[in-house]
Amino acid sequence: MEAKIKEALDKIRPFLQNDGGDVEFVEYKDNIVKVKLQGHCAGCPGARMTLQGVIGRILMESYPEIKGVEAVEF
């Protein structure tokens, strides 16, 4: 499943990079995907919408077993 998630994130990545951001896969556990938003996406006021409205929607529509997407910070 991790490979499929990473592949989907690679397709989303250009959209984020156009705005100076990026996304990094962290883990997939208990049907939850954890990612780290980077660059402008990390501190952007629209980060929550990007996470749920774009990344989450695409991943959950592509793979129904995914129940949610969360951002983590290091």
PDB file of N, CA and C in Angstrom:
ATOM      1  N   MET A   1       0.817  -1.195   0.000  1.00  0.00           N
ATOM      2  CA  MET A   1       0.000   0.000   0.000  1.00  0.00           C
ATOM      3  C   MET A   1       0.863   1.261   0.000  1.00  0.00           C
ATOM      4  N   GLU A   2       1.999   1.206   0.710  1.00  0.00           N
ATOM      5  CA  GLU A   2       2.859   2.384   0.767  1.00  0.00           C
ATOM      6  C   GLU A   2       3.314   2.820  -0.620  1.00  0.00           C
ATOM      7  N   ALA A   3       3.628   1.864  -1.469  1.00  0.00           N
ATOM      8  CA  ALA A   3       4.070   2.198  -2.830  1.00  0.00           C
ATOM      9  C   ALA A   3       2.961   2.901  -3.599  1.00  0.00           C
ATOM     10  N   LYS A   4       1.722   2.444  -3.436  1.00  0.00           N
ATOM     11  CA  LYS A   4       0.589   3.083  -4.115  1.00  0.00           C
ATOM     12  C   LYS A   4       0.374   4.504  -3.612  1.00  0.00           C
ATOM     13  N   ILE A   5       0.522   4.683  -2.303  1.00  0.00           N
ATOM     14  CA  ILE A   5       0.348   6.019  -1.723  1.00  0.00           C
ATOM     15  C   ILE A   5       1.430   6.959  -2.238  1.00  0.00           C
ATOM     16  N   LYS A   6       2.668   6.481  -2.249  1.00  0.00           N
ATOM     17  CA  LYS A   6       3.777   7.307  -2.736  1.00  0.00           C
ATOM     18  C   LYS A   6       3.586   7.668  -4.204  1.00  0.00           C
ATOM     19  N   GLU A   7       3.069   6.728  -4.981  1.00  0.00           N
ATOM     20  CA  GLU A   7       2.810   6.990  -6.396  1.00  0.00           C
ATOM     21  C   GLU A   7       1.742   8.071  -6.552  1.00  0.00           C
ATOM     22  N   ALA A   8       0.688   7.987  -5.749  1.00  0.00           N
ATOM     23  CA  ALA A   8      -0.365   9.005  -5.800  1.00  0.00           C
ATOM     24  C   ALA A   8       0.181  10.366  -5.367  1.00  0.00           C
ATOM     25  N   LEU A   9       1.021  10.390  -4.338  1.00  0.00           N
ATOM     26  CA  LEU A   9       1.616  11.652  -3.890  1.00  0.00           C
ATOM     27  C   LEU A   9       2.516  12.247  -4.966  1.00  0.00           C
ATOM     28  N   ASP A  10       3.183  11.394  -5.735  1.00  0.00           N
ATOM     29  CA  ASP A  10       4.021  11.885  -6.830  1.00  0.00           C
ATOM     30  C   ASP A  10       3.183  12.599  -7.887  1.00  0.00           C
ATOM     31  N   LYS A  11       1.944  12.171  -8.050  1.00  0.00           N
ATOM     32  CA  LYS A  11       1.049  12.821  -9.020  1.00  0.00           C
ATOM     33  C   LYS A  11       0.518  14.147  -8.484  1.00  0.00           C
ATOM     34  N   ILE A  12       0.387  14.260  -7.178  1.00  0.00           N
ATOM     35  CA  ILE A  12      -0.100  15.478  -6.528  1.00  0.00           C
ATOM     36  C   ILE A  12       1.024  16.514  -6.404  1.00  0.00           C
ATOM     37  N   ARG A  13       2.228  16.028  -6.253  1.00  0.00           N
ATOM     38  CA  ARG A  13       3.396  16.868  -5.968  1.00  0.00           C
ATOM     39  C   ARG A  13       3.544  18.084  -6.897  1.00  0.00           C
ATOM     40  N   PRO A  14       3.403  17.963  -8.215  1.00  0.00           N
ATOM     41  CA  PRO A  14       3.577  19.144  -9.078  1.00  0.00           C
ATOM     42  C   PRO A  14       2.612  20.282  -8.730  1.00  0.00           C
ATOM     43  N   PHE A  15       1.392  19.955  -8.338  1.00  0.00           N
ATOM     44  CA  PHE A  15       0.418  20.966  -7.924  1.00  0.00           C
ATOM     45  C   PHE A  15       0.953  21.749  -6.723  1.00  0.00           C
ATOM     46  N   LEU A  16       1.517  21.036  -5.769  1.00  0.00           N
ATOM     47  CA  LEU A  16       2.053  21.679  -4.570  1.00  0.00           C
ATOM     48  C   LEU A  16       3.318  22.464  -4.885  1.00  0.00           C
ATOM     49  N   GLN A  17       4.163  21.914  -5.735  1.00  0.00           N
ATOM     50  CA  GLN A  17       5.425  22.572  -6.067  1.00  0.00           C
ATOM     51  C   GLN A  17       5.207  23.869  -6.832  1.00  0.00           C
ATOM     52  N   ASN A  18       4.100  23.968  -7.568  1.00  0.00           N
ATOM     53  CA  ASN A  18       3.779  25.212  -8.263  1.00  0.00           C
ATOM     54  C   ASN A  18       3.588  26.362  -7.295  1.00  0.00           C
ATOM     55  N   ASP A  19       3.194  26.051  -6.069  1.00  0.00           N
ATOM     56  CA  ASP A  19       3.004  27.072  -5.039  1.00  0.00           C
ATOM     57  C   ASP A  19       4.149  27.107  -4.035  1.00  0.00           C
ATOM     58  N   GLY A  20       5.271  26.477  -4.368  1.00  0.00           N
ATOM     59  CA  GLY A  20       6.441  26.508  -3.494  1.00  0.00           C
ATOM     60  C   GLY A  20       6.385  25.515  -2.346  1.00  0.00           C
ATOM     61  N   GLY A  21       5.528  24.522  -2.455  1.00  0.00           N
ATOM     62  CA  GLY A  21       5.404  23.538  -1.392  1.00  0.00           C
ATOM     63  C   GLY A  21       5.762  22.141  -1.856  1.00  0.00           C
ATOM     64  N   ASP A  22       5.552  21.202  -0.966  1.00  0.00           N
ATOM     65  CA  ASP A  22       5.793  19.799  -1.284  1.00  0.00           C
ATOM     66  C   ASP A  22       5.146  18.942  -0.204  1.00  0.00           C
ATOM     67  N   VAL A  23       5.125  17.645  -0.429  1.00  0.00           N
ATOM     68  CA  VAL A  23       4.562  16.709   0.542  1.00  0.00           C
ATOM     69  C   VAL A  23       5.490  15.501   0.631  1.00  0.00           C
ATOM     70  N   GLU A  24       5.678  15.014   1.853  1.00  0.00           N
ATOM     71  CA  GLU A  24       6.520  13.845   2.086  1.00  0.00           C
ATOM     72  C   GLU A  24       5.700  12.779   2.804  1.00  0.00           C
ATOM     73  N   PHE A  25       5.726  11.555   2.296  1.00  0.00           N
ATOM     74  CA  PHE A  25       5.072  10.434   2.960  1.00  0.00           C
ATOM     75  C   PHE A  25       5.816  10.114   4.242  1.00  0.00           C
ATOM     76  N   VAL A  26       5.056   9.924   5.348  1.00  0.00           N
ATOM     77  CA  VAL A  26       5.666   9.569   6.624  1.00  0.00           C
ATOM     78  C   VAL A  26       5.334   8.128   6.983  1.00  0.00           C
ATOM     79  N   GLU A  27       4.033   7.791   7.050  1.00  0.00           N
ATOM     80  CA  GLU A  27       3.662   6.407   7.351  1.00  0.00           C
ATOM     81  C   GLU A  27       2.207   6.151   6.996  1.00  0.00           C
ATOM     82  N   TYR A  28       1.889   4.865   6.897  1.00  0.00           N
ATOM     83  CA  TYR A  28       0.519   4.398   6.716  1.00  0.00           C
ATOM     84  C   TYR A  28       0.267   3.367   7.800  1.00  0.00           C
ATOM     85  N   LYS A  29      -0.654   3.701   8.706  1.00  0.00           N
ATOM     86  CA  LYS A  29      -0.923   2.813   9.832  1.00  0.00           C
ATOM     87  C   LYS A  29      -2.381   2.954  10.229  1.00  0.00           C
ATOM     88  N   ASP A  30      -3.029   1.824  10.476  1.00  0.00           N
ATOM     89  CA  ASP A  30      -4.439   1.806  10.885  1.00  0.00           C
ATOM     90  C   ASP A  30      -5.322   2.571   9.899  1.00  0.00           C
ATOM     91  N   ASN A  31      -5.035   2.418   8.618  1.00  0.00           N
ATOM     92  CA  ASN A  31      -5.785   3.035   7.524  1.00  0.00           C
ATOM     93  C   ASN A  31      -5.712   4.567   7.514  1.00  0.00           C
ATOM     94  N   ILE A  32      -4.693   5.118   8.176  1.00  0.00           N
ATOM     95  CA  ILE A  32      -4.467   6.559   8.186  1.00  0.00           C
ATOM     96  C   ILE A  32      -3.110   6.837   7.540  1.00  0.00           C
ATOM     97  N   VAL A  33      -3.100   7.774   6.601  1.00  0.00           N
ATOM     98  CA  VAL A  33      -1.862   8.194   5.954  1.00  0.00           C
ATOM     99  C   VAL A  33      -1.351   9.428   6.685  1.00  0.00           C
ATOM    100  N   LYS A  34      -0.076   9.406   7.031  1.00  0.00           N
ATOM    101  CA  LYS A  34       0.546  10.569   7.657  1.00  0.00           C
ATOM    102  C   LYS A  34       1.575  11.134   6.692  1.00  0.00           C
ATOM    103  N   VAL A  35       1.484  12.447   6.491  1.00  0.00           N
ATOM    104  CA  VAL A  35       2.387  13.135   5.580  1.00  0.00           C
ATOM    105  C   VAL A  35       2.949  14.367   6.271  1.00  0.00           C
ATOM    106  N   LYS A  36       4.035  14.844   5.730  1.00  0.00           N
ATOM    107  CA  LYS A  36       4.616  16.094   6.201  1.00  0.00           C
ATOM    108  C   LYS A  36       4.527  17.094   5.060  1.00  0.00           C
ATOM    109  N   LEU A  37       3.864  18.219   5.313  1.00  0.00           N
ATOM    110  CA  LEU A  37       3.810  19.293   4.331  1.00  0.00           C
ATOM    111  C   LEU A  37       5.096  20.089   4.448  1.00  0.00           C
ATOM    112  N   GLN A  38       5.662  20.454   3.304  1.00  0.00           N
ATOM    113  CA  GLN A  38       6.949  21.134   3.297  1.00  0.00           C
ATOM    114  C   GLN A  38       6.874  22.433   2.513  1.00  0.00           C
ATOM    115  N   GLY A  39       7.907  23.255   2.674  1.00  0.00           N
ATOM    116  CA  GLY A  39       7.976  24.517   1.951  1.00  0.00           C
ATOM    117  C   GLY A  39       6.840  25.436   2.350  1.00  0.00           C
ATOM    118  N   HIS A  40       6.311  26.149   1.379  1.00  0.00           N
ATOM    119  CA  HIS A  40       5.218  27.084   1.657  1.00  0.00           C
ATOM    120  C   HIS A  40       3.978  26.386   2.185  1.00  0.00           C
ATOM    121  N   CYS A  41       3.798  25.137   1.855  1.00  0.00           N
ATOM    122  CA  CYS A  41       2.614  24.391   2.333  1.00  0.00           C
ATOM    123  C   CYS A  41       2.645  24.206   3.845  1.00  0.00           C
ATOM    124  N   ALA A  42       3.835  24.135   4.428  1.00  0.00           N
ATOM    125  CA  ALA A  42       3.949  23.863   5.860  1.00  0.00           C
ATOM    126  C   ALA A  42       3.326  24.970   6.703  1.00  0.00           C
ATOM    127  N   GLY A  43       3.513  26.211   6.317  1.00  0.00           N
ATOM    128  CA  GLY A  43       2.995  27.308   7.119  1.00  0.00           C
ATOM    129  C   GLY A  43       1.852  28.058   6.467  1.00  0.00           C
ATOM    130  N   CYS A  44       1.375  27.557   5.383  1.00  0.00           N
ATOM    131  CA  CYS A  44       0.319  28.228   4.617  1.00  0.00           C
ATOM    132  C   CYS A  44      -1.020  28.169   5.345  1.00  0.00           C
ATOM    133  N   PRO A  45      -1.758  29.290   5.350  1.00  0.00           N
ATOM    134  CA  PRO A  45      -3.091  29.270   5.966  1.00  0.00           C
ATOM    135  C   PRO A  45      -4.041  28.269   5.279  1.00  0.00           C
ATOM    136  N   GLY A  46      -3.770  27.948   4.036  1.00  0.00           N
ATOM    137  CA  GLY A  46      -4.609  26.996   3.307  1.00  0.00           C
ATOM    138  C   GLY A  46      -4.127  25.554   3.430  1.00  0.00           C
ATOM    139  N   ALA A  47      -3.182  25.288   4.324  1.00  0.00           N
ATOM    140  CA  ALA A  47      -2.607  23.946   4.440  1.00  0.00           C
ATOM    141  C   ALA A  47      -3.666  22.906   4.780  1.00  0.00           C
ATOM    142  N   ARG A  48      -4.593  23.240   5.659  1.00  0.00           N
ATOM    143  CA  ARG A  48      -5.638  22.281   6.037  1.00  0.00           C
ATOM    144  C   ARG A  48      -6.516  21.933   4.836  1.00  0.00           C
ATOM    145  N   MET A  49      -6.848  22.951   4.036  1.00  0.00           N
ATOM    146  CA  MET A  49      -7.648  22.682   2.843  1.00  0.00           C
ATOM    147  C   MET A  49      -6.859  21.849   1.838  1.00  0.00           C
ATOM    148  N   THR A  50      -5.578  22.150   1.691  1.00  0.00           N
ATOM    149  CA  THR A  50      -4.733  21.362   0.792  1.00  0.00           C
ATOM    150  C   THR A  50      -4.675  19.914   1.268  1.00  0.00           C
ATOM    151  N   LEU A  51      -4.511  19.737   2.562  1.00  0.00           N
ATOM    152  CA  LEU A  51      -4.396  18.395   3.119  1.00  0.00           C
ATOM    153  C   LEU A  51      -5.683  17.597   2.917  1.00  0.00           C
ATOM    154  N   GLN A  52      -6.806  18.143   3.325  1.00  0.00           N
ATOM    155  CA  GLN A  52      -8.073  17.411   3.258  1.00  0.00           C
ATOM    156  C   GLN A  52      -8.736  17.504   1.876  1.00  0.00           C
ATOM    157  N   GLY A  53      -8.721  18.691   1.288  1.00  0.00           N
ATOM    158  CA  GLY A  53      -9.438  18.906   0.038  1.00  0.00           C
ATOM    159  C   GLY A  53      -8.741  18.374  -1.189  1.00  0.00           C
ATOM    160  N   VAL A  54      -7.435  18.272  -1.129  1.00  0.00           N
ATOM    161  CA  VAL A  54      -6.688  17.800  -2.297  1.00  0.00           C
ATOM    162  C   VAL A  54      -6.058  16.437  -2.009  1.00  0.00           C
ATOM    163  N   ILE A  55      -5.108  16.412  -1.089  1.00  0.00           N
ATOM    164  CA  ILE A  55      -4.377  15.175  -0.813  1.00  0.00           C
ATOM    165  C   ILE A  55      -5.311  14.098  -0.282  1.00  0.00           C
ATOM    166  N   GLY A  56      -6.086  14.425   0.738  1.00  0.00           N
ATOM    167  CA  GLY A  56      -6.994  13.444   1.339  1.00  0.00           C
ATOM    168  C   GLY A  56      -8.036  12.942   0.367  1.00  0.00           C
ATOM    169  N   ARG A  57      -8.633  13.871  -0.349  1.00  0.00           N
ATOM    170  CA  ARG A  57      -9.688  13.478  -1.292  1.00  0.00           C
ATOM    171  C   ARG A  57      -9.153  12.528  -2.363  1.00  0.00           C
ATOM    172  N   ILE A  58      -8.017  12.867  -2.933  1.00  0.00           N
ATOM    173  CA  ILE A  58      -7.451  12.024  -3.991  1.00  0.00           C
ATOM    174  C   ILE A  58      -7.075  10.648  -3.452  1.00  0.00           C
ATOM    175  N   LEU A  59      -6.407  10.601  -2.300  1.00  0.00           N
ATOM    176  CA  LEU A  59      -6.004   9.314  -1.749  1.00  0.00           C
ATOM    177  C   LEU A  59      -7.212   8.463  -1.360  1.00  0.00           C
ATOM    178  N   MET A  60      -8.196   9.061  -0.700  1.00  0.00           N
ATOM    179  CA  MET A  60      -9.349   8.277  -0.236  1.00  0.00           C
ATOM    180  C   MET A  60     -10.256   7.846  -1.386  1.00  0.00           C
ATOM    181  N   GLU A  61     -10.330   8.653  -2.455  1.00  0.00           N
ATOM    182  CA  GLU A  61     -11.104   8.233  -3.619  1.00  0.00           C
ATOM    183  C   GLU A  61     -10.385   7.116  -4.372  1.00  0.00           C
ATOM    184  N   SER A  62      -9.070   7.189  -4.417  1.00  0.00           N
ATOM    185  CA  SER A  62      -8.291   6.174  -5.132  1.00  0.00           C
ATOM    186  C   SER A  62      -8.213   4.862  -4.369  1.00  0.00           C
ATOM    187  N   TYR A  63      -8.152   4.966  -3.030  1.00  0.00           N
ATOM    188  CA  TYR A  63      -7.986   3.781  -2.190  1.00  0.00           C
ATOM    189  C   TYR A  63      -8.969   3.861  -1.026  1.00  0.00           C
ATOM    190  N   PRO A  64     -10.164   3.292  -1.194  1.00  0.00           N
ATOM    191  CA  PRO A  64     -11.221   3.389  -0.177  1.00  0.00           C
ATOM    192  C   PRO A  64     -10.827   2.874   1.203  1.00  0.00           C
ATOM    193  N   GLU A  65      -9.805   2.036   1.288  1.00  0.00           N
ATOM    194  CA  GLU A  65      -9.386   1.545   2.596  1.00  0.00           C
ATOM    195  C   GLU A  65      -8.720   2.631   3.442  1.00  0.00           C
ATOM    196  N   ILE A  66      -8.278   3.712   2.788  1.00  0.00           N
ATOM    197  CA  ILE A  66      -7.714   4.841   3.521  1.00  0.00           C
ATOM    198  C   ILE A  66      -8.862   5.622   4.155  1.00  0.00           C
ATOM    199  N   LYS A  67      -8.794   5.797   5.457  1.00  0.00           N
ATOM    200  CA  LYS A  67      -9.875   6.461   6.204  1.00  0.00           C
ATOM    201  C   LYS A  67      -9.571   7.911   6.551  1.00  0.00           C
ATOM    202  N   GLY A  68      -8.324   8.319   6.374  1.00  0.00           N
ATOM    203  CA  GLY A  68      -7.978   9.697   6.684  1.00  0.00           C
ATOM    204  C   GLY A  68      -6.540  10.005   6.350  1.00  0.00           C
ATOM    205  N   VAL A  69      -6.253  11.312   6.306  1.00  0.00           N
ATOM    206  CA  VAL A  69      -4.902  11.796   6.049  1.00  0.00           C
ATOM    207  C   VAL A  69      -4.604  12.857   7.101  1.00  0.00           C
ATOM    208  N   GLU A  70      -3.441  12.732   7.734  1.00  0.00           N
ATOM    209  CA  GLU A  70      -3.044  13.664   8.782  1.00  0.00           C
ATOM    210  C   GLU A  70      -1.666  14.230   8.465  1.00  0.00           C
ATOM    211  N   ALA A  71      -1.472  15.486   8.850  1.00  0.00           N
ATOM    212  CA  ALA A  71      -0.161  16.106   8.716  1.00  0.00           C
ATOM    213  C   ALA A  71       0.595  15.949  10.029  1.00  0.00           C
ATOM    214  N   VAL A  72       1.864  15.681   9.922  1.00  0.00           N
ATOM    215  CA  VAL A  72       2.724  15.602  11.106  1.00  0.00           C
ATOM    216  C   VAL A  72       3.815  16.652  10.959  1.00  0.00           C
ATOM    217  N   GLU A  73       4.358  17.059  12.081  1.00  0.00           N
ATOM    218  CA  GLU A  73       5.452  18.019  12.078  1.00  0.00           C
ATOM    219  C   GLU A  73       6.634  17.410  12.810  1.00  0.00           C
ATOM    220  N   PHE A  74       7.814  17.701  12.328  1.00  0.00           N
ATOM    221  CA  PHE A  74       9.032  17.200  12.982  1.00  0.00           C
ATOM    222  C   PHE A  74       9.801  18.357  13.561  1.00  0.00           C
TER     223      PHE A  74
END
